[in-house]
Amino acid sequence: MVRIAKKTDYKKIEELKKMIDDEKYLARAIDMIAQNLTKSLLKEES
């Protein structure tokens, strides 16, 4: 299967760069990932 790359969205890339530099955003993102992983692990134990 051949995949065709989407056009680069430079505006979106700039937005993401700003978000990564935002400590509050980064903390929330890490917390959400940790919560999702925990929920996933708890489901596997059940």
PDB file of N, CA and C in Angstrom:
ATOM      1  N   MET A   1       0.845  -1.179   0.000  1.00  0.00           N
ATOM      2  CA  MET A   1       0.000   0.000   0.000  1.00  0.00           C
ATOM      3  C   MET A   1       0.890   1.241   0.000  1.00  0.00           C
ATOM      4  N   VAL A   2       0.590   2.173  -0.855  1.00  0.00           N
ATOM      5  CA  VAL A   2       1.343   3.415  -0.956  1.00  0.00           C
ATOM      6  C   VAL A   2       0.567   4.512  -0.237  1.00  0.00           C
ATOM      7  N   ARG A   3       1.282   5.215   0.644  1.00  0.00           N
ATOM      8  CA  ARG A   3       0.636   6.319   1.355  1.00  0.00           C
ATOM      9  C   ARG A   3       1.095   7.633   0.747  1.00  0.00           C
ATOM     10  N   ILE A   4       0.168   8.535   0.570  1.00  0.00           N
ATOM     11  CA  ILE A   4       0.483   9.854   0.028  1.00  0.00           C
ATOM     12  C   ILE A   4       0.467  10.839   1.183  1.00  0.00           C
ATOM     13  N   ALA A   5       1.559  11.561   1.349  1.00  0.00           N
ATOM     14  CA  ALA A   5       1.678  12.514   2.454  1.00  0.00           C
ATOM     15  C   ALA A   5       0.731  13.688   2.242  1.00  0.00           C
ATOM     16  N   LYS A   6       0.171  14.145   3.353  1.00  0.00           N
ATOM     17  CA  LYS A   6      -0.673  15.337   3.300  1.00  0.00           C
ATOM     18  C   LYS A   6       0.216  16.566   3.180  1.00  0.00           C
ATOM     19  N   LYS A   7      -0.350  17.649   2.683  1.00  0.00           N
ATOM     20  CA  LYS A   7       0.396  18.896   2.606  1.00  0.00           C
ATOM     21  C   LYS A   7       0.715  19.377   4.011  1.00  0.00           C
ATOM     22  N   THR A   8       1.874  19.961   4.184  1.00  0.00           N
ATOM     23  CA  THR A   8       2.294  20.456   5.492  1.00  0.00           C
ATOM     24  C   THR A   8       1.479  21.682   5.870  1.00  0.00           C
ATOM     25  N   ASP A   9       0.906  21.654   7.069  1.00  0.00           N
ATOM     26  CA  ASP A   9       0.128  22.784   7.577  1.00  0.00           C
ATOM     27  C   ASP A   9       1.016  23.567   8.543  1.00  0.00           C
ATOM     28  N   TYR A  10       1.695  24.571   8.022  1.00  0.00           N
ATOM     29  CA  TYR A  10       2.660  25.323   8.820  1.00  0.00           C
ATOM     30  C   TYR A  10       2.003  26.078   9.968  1.00  0.00           C
ATOM     31  N   LYS A  11       0.762  26.514   9.774  1.00  0.00           N
ATOM     32  CA  LYS A  11       0.044  27.209  10.858  1.00  0.00           C
ATOM     33  C   LYS A  11      -0.168  26.251  12.033  1.00  0.00           C
ATOM     34  N   LYS A  12      -0.577  25.024  11.748  1.00  0.00           N
ATOM     35  CA  LYS A  12      -0.805  24.017  12.790  1.00  0.00           C
ATOM     36  C   LYS A  12       0.508  23.666  13.490  1.00  0.00           C
ATOM     37  N   ILE A  13       1.593  23.562  12.728  1.00  0.00           N
ATOM     38  CA  ILE A  13       2.894  23.266  13.319  1.00  0.00           C
ATOM     39  C   ILE A  13       3.296  24.361  14.297  1.00  0.00           C
ATOM     40  N   GLU A  14       3.099  25.615  13.927  1.00  0.00           N
ATOM     41  CA  GLU A  14       3.428  26.734  14.821  1.00  0.00           C
ATOM     42  C   GLU A  14       2.574  26.694  16.087  1.00  0.00           C
ATOM     43  N   GLU A  15       1.285  26.362  15.943  1.00  0.00           N
ATOM     44  CA  GLU A  15       0.399  26.252  17.109  1.00  0.00           C
ATOM     45  C   GLU A  15       0.895  25.154  18.046  1.00  0.00           C
ATOM     46  N   LEU A  16       1.288  24.017  17.478  1.00  0.00           N
ATOM     47  CA  LEU A  16       1.777  22.905  18.295  1.00  0.00           C
ATOM     48  C   LEU A  16       3.082  23.259  19.004  1.00  0.00           C
ATOM     49  N   LYS A  17       3.959  23.993  18.337  1.00  0.00           N
ATOM     50  CA  LYS A  17       5.207  24.425  18.964  1.00  0.00           C
ATOM     51  C   LYS A  17       4.924  25.304  20.189  1.00  0.00           C
ATOM     52  N   LYS A  18       3.951  26.210  20.052  1.00  0.00           N
ATOM     53  CA  LYS A  18       3.597  27.078  21.185  1.00  0.00           C
ATOM     54  C   LYS A  18       3.000  26.253  22.319  1.00  0.00           C
ATOM     55  N   MET A  19       2.184  25.262  21.986  1.00  0.00           N
ATOM     56  CA  MET A  19       1.553  24.431  23.005  1.00  0.00           C
ATOM     57  C   MET A  19       2.596  23.632  23.776  1.00  0.00           C
ATOM     58  N   ILE A  20       3.606  23.124  23.079  1.00  0.00           N
ATOM     59  CA  ILE A  20       4.647  22.332  23.736  1.00  0.00           C
ATOM     60  C   ILE A  20       5.447  23.188  24.707  1.00  0.00           C
ATOM     61  N   ASP A  21       5.616  24.461  24.393  1.00  0.00           N
ATOM     62  CA  ASP A  21       6.359  25.364  25.277  1.00  0.00           C
ATOM     63  C   ASP A  21       5.535  25.827  26.477  1.00  0.00           C
ATOM     64  N   ASP A  22       4.226  25.575  26.462  1.00  0.00           N
ATOM     65  CA  ASP A  22       3.330  25.975  27.556  1.00  0.00           C
ATOM     66  C   ASP A  22       3.367  24.896  28.639  1.00  0.00           C
ATOM     67  N   GLU A  23       3.941  25.224  29.785  1.00  0.00           N
ATOM     68  CA  GLU A  23       4.104  24.228  30.858  1.00  0.00           C
ATOM     69  C   GLU A  23       2.774  23.673  31.345  1.00  0.00           C
ATOM     70  N   LYS A  24       1.748  24.513  31.438  1.00  0.00           N
ATOM     71  CA  LYS A  24       0.444  24.041  31.903  1.00  0.00           C
ATOM     72  C   LYS A  24      -0.164  23.059  30.905  1.00  0.00           C
ATOM     73  N   TYR A  25      -0.061  23.374  29.629  1.00  0.00           N
ATOM     74  CA  TYR A  25      -0.585  22.475  28.601  1.00  0.00           C
ATOM     75  C   TYR A  25       0.139  21.143  28.651  1.00  0.00           C
ATOM     76  N   LEU A  26       1.458  21.210  28.735  1.00  0.00           N
ATOM     77  CA  LEU A  26       2.260  19.996  28.767  1.00  0.00           C
ATOM     78  C   LEU A  26       1.931  19.143  29.986  1.00  0.00           C
ATOM     79  N   ALA A  27       1.751  19.774  31.146  1.00  0.00           N
ATOM     80  CA  ALA A  27       1.408  19.040  32.366  1.00  0.00           C
ATOM     81  C   ALA A  27       0.047  18.352  32.210  1.00  0.00           C
ATOM     82  N   ARG A  28      -0.927  19.059  31.628  1.00  0.00           N
ATOM     83  CA  ARG A  28      -2.259  18.463  31.423  1.00  0.00           C
ATOM     84  C   ARG A  28      -2.177  17.294  30.444  1.00  0.00           C
ATOM     85  N   ALA A  29      -1.380  17.461  29.376  1.00  0.00           N
ATOM     86  CA  ALA A  29      -1.252  16.398  28.377  1.00  0.00           C
ATOM     87  C   ALA A  29      -0.621  15.155  29.000  1.00  0.00           C
ATOM     88  N   ILE A  30       0.437  15.345  29.781  1.00  0.00           N
ATOM     89  CA  ILE A  30       1.099  14.217  30.437  1.00  0.00           C
ATOM     90  C   ILE A  30       0.149  13.550  31.419  1.00  0.00           C
ATOM     91  N   ASP A  31      -0.608  14.350  32.162  1.00  0.00           N
ATOM     92  CA  ASP A  31      -1.570  13.802  33.120  1.00  0.00           C
ATOM     93  C   ASP A  31      -2.635  12.973  32.394  1.00  0.00           C
ATOM     94  N   MET A  32      -3.112  13.466  31.268  1.00  0.00           N
ATOM     95  CA  MET A  32      -4.142  12.746  30.521  1.00  0.00           C
ATOM     96  C   MET A  32      -3.587  11.421  29.986  1.00  0.00           C
ATOM     97  N   ILE A  33      -2.357  11.443  29.497  1.00  0.00           N
ATOM     98  CA  ILE A  33      -1.737  10.206  29.009  1.00  0.00           C
ATOM     99  C   ILE A  33      -1.597   9.205  30.151  1.00  0.00           C
ATOM    100  N   ALA A  34      -1.156   9.681  31.317  1.00  0.00           N
ATOM    101  CA  ALA A  34      -0.998   8.796  32.474  1.00  0.00           C
ATOM    102  C   ALA A  34      -2.341   8.203  32.892  1.00  0.00           C
ATOM    103  N   GLN A  35      -3.386   9.008  32.892  1.00  0.00           N
ATOM    104  CA  GLN A  35      -4.714   8.514  33.255  1.00  0.00           C
ATOM    105  C   GLN A  35      -5.190   7.444  32.272  1.00  0.00           C
ATOM    106  N   ASN A  36      -4.993   7.702  30.981  1.00  0.00           N
ATOM    107  CA  ASN A  36      -5.419   6.729  29.963  1.00  0.00           C
ATOM    108  C   ASN A  36      -4.654   5.423  30.093  1.00  0.00           C
ATOM    109  N   LEU A  37      -3.364   5.506  30.351  1.00  0.00           N
ATOM    110  CA  LEU A  37      -2.568   4.295  30.533  1.00  0.00           C
ATOM    111  C   LEU A  37      -3.023   3.524  31.766  1.00  0.00           C
ATOM    112  N   THR A  38      -3.292   4.238  32.850  1.00  0.00           N
ATOM    113  CA  THR A  38      -3.747   3.596  34.081  1.00  0.00           C
ATOM    114  C   THR A  38      -5.077   2.891  33.857  1.00  0.00           C
ATOM    115  N   LYS A  39      -6.017   3.573  33.204  1.00  0.00           N
ATOM    116  CA  LYS A  39      -7.316   2.968  32.920  1.00  0.00           C
ATOM    117  C   LYS A  39      -7.157   1.721  32.057  1.00  0.00           C
ATOM    118  N   SER A  40      -6.284   1.809  31.067  1.00  0.00           N
ATOM    119  CA  SER A  40      -6.050   0.677  30.175  1.00  0.00           C
ATOM    120  C   SER A  40      -5.468  -0.507  30.947  1.00  0.00           C
ATOM    121  N   LEU A  41      -4.508  -0.243  31.817  1.00  0.00           N
ATOM    122  CA  LEU A  41      -3.901  -1.325  32.609  1.00  0.00           C
ATOM    123  C   LEU A  41      -4.899  -1.937  33.575  1.00  0.00           C
ATOM    124  N   LEU A  42      -5.755  -1.116  34.169  1.00  0.00           N
ATOM    125  CA  LEU A  42      -6.756  -1.630  35.090  1.00  0.00           C
ATOM    126  C   LEU A  42      -7.784  -2.498  34.375  1.00  0.00           C
ATOM    127  N   LYS A  43      -8.117  -2.138  33.140  1.00  0.00           N
ATOM    128  CA  LYS A  43      -9.062  -2.956  32.361  1.00  0.00           C
ATOM    129  C   LYS A  43      -8.454  -4.310  32.041  1.00  0.00           C
ATOM    130  N   GLU A  44      -7.148  -4.344  31.763  1.00  0.00           N
ATOM    131  CA  GLU A  44      -6.485  -5.603  31.438  1.00  0.00           C
ATOM    132  C   GLU A  44      -6.425  -6.533  32.659  1.00  0.00           C
ATOM    133  N   GLU A  45      -6.348  -5.972  33.845  1.00  0.00           N
ATOM    134  CA  GLU A  45      -6.297  -6.785  35.066  1.00  0.00           C
ATOM    135  C   GLU A  45      -7.639  -7.415  35.377  1.00  0.00           C
ATOM    136  N   SER A  46      -8.714  -6.780  34.960  1.00  0.00           N
ATOM    137  CA  SER A  46     -10.062  -7.275  35.288  1.00  0.00           C
ATOM    138  C   SER A  46     -10.409  -8.535  34.548  1.00  0.00           C
TER     139      SER A  46
END
